[in-house]
Amino acid sequence: MTSKHISVGVGIPMIIVGAILAILLAPTQQSLKDTIEFVGSLIGILGALIFIAGLFTRKLAAIPS
């Protein structure tokens, strides 16, 4: 799997899931609102880091043996 596929296949869905947790699900659960917002934000931030890391990685040349 190339770095672009990781960036698009892992980073973007994590950002979307984090946003859904923090924005849509947290207001519905009053007793766990702070925890759900924290987890959603953490997932979104990690998704953004994976997305950015996937953009900057490059494929290494194979070493002939």
Protein backbone atom coordinates (compact mmCIF):
# COMPACT_ATOMS: atom_id res chain seq x y z
CA MET A 1 0.00 0.00 0.00
CA THR A 2 1.44 3.33 -0.95
CA SER A 3 1.54 6.37 1.27
CA LYS A 4 -1.26 8.09 -0.67
CA HIS A 5 -3.56 5.14 -0.05
CA ILE A 6 -2.78 5.23 3.66
CA SER A 7 -3.39 8.95 3.72
CA VAL A 8 -6.75 8.67 1.97
CA GLY A 9 -7.84 5.30 3.36
CA VAL A 10 -6.94 5.84 7.01
CA GLY A 11 -6.42 9.55 7.65
CA ILE A 12 -9.59 10.96 6.11
CA PRO A 13 -11.96 8.37 7.67
CA MET A 14 -10.40 8.99 11.08
CA ILE A 15 -10.96 12.73 10.70
CA ILE A 16 -14.59 12.13 9.70
CA VAL A 17 -15.27 9.70 12.56
CA GLY A 18 -13.65 12.07 15.05
CA ALA A 19 -15.81 14.94 13.84
CA ILE A 20 -18.95 12.84 14.03
CA LEU A 21 -18.13 11.81 17.59
CA ALA A 22 -17.25 15.30 18.77
CA ILE A 23 -20.00 17.24 16.99
CA LEU A 24 -22.98 14.91 16.61
CA LEU A 25 -22.75 12.26 19.31
CA ALA A 26 -21.43 14.28 22.26
CA PRO A 27 -24.47 16.56 22.68
CA THR A 28 -26.79 13.55 22.87
CA GLN A 29 -24.97 12.01 25.85
CA GLN A 30 -24.96 14.58 28.64
CA SER A 31 -23.27 12.38 31.26
CA LEU A 32 -20.33 11.47 28.99
CA LYS A 33 -20.13 14.66 26.91
CA ASP A 34 -16.60 15.65 27.93
CA THR A 35 -15.21 12.17 27.42
CA ILE A 36 -16.84 11.74 24.01
CA GLU A 37 -15.58 15.15 22.88
CA PHE A 38 -12.07 14.27 24.05
CA VAL A 39 -12.03 10.91 22.27
CA GLY A 40 -13.51 12.40 19.09
CA SER A 41 -10.95 15.20 19.09
CA LEU A 42 -8.12 12.75 19.71
CA ILE A 43 -9.23 10.52 16.83
CA GLY A 44 -9.52 13.55 14.54
CA ILE A 45 -6.07 14.86 15.48
CA LEU A 46 -4.47 11.44 14.97
CA GLY A 47 -6.24 11.16 11.62
CA ALA A 48 -4.86 14.56 10.59
CA LEU A 49 -1.35 13.48 11.60
CA ILE A 50 -1.63 10.23 9.63
CA PHE A 51 -2.97 12.15 6.63
CA ILE A 52 -0.08 14.63 6.70
CA ALA A 53 2.49 11.89 7.29
CA GLY A 54 1.09 9.95 4.34
CA LEU A 55 1.56 12.96 2.10
CA PHE A 56 5.21 13.40 3.02
CA THR A 57 6.42 9.80 2.96
CA ARG A 58 8.14 8.56 -0.14
CA LYS A 59 8.82 5.12 -1.51
CA LEU A 60 12.35 3.87 -0.96
CA ALA A 61 14.22 2.25 -3.80
CA ALA A 62 14.65 -1.51 -3.51
CA ILE A 63 18.19 -2.56 -2.67
CA PRO A 64 19.38 -5.23 -5.12
CA SER A 65 20.97 -8.21 -3.44
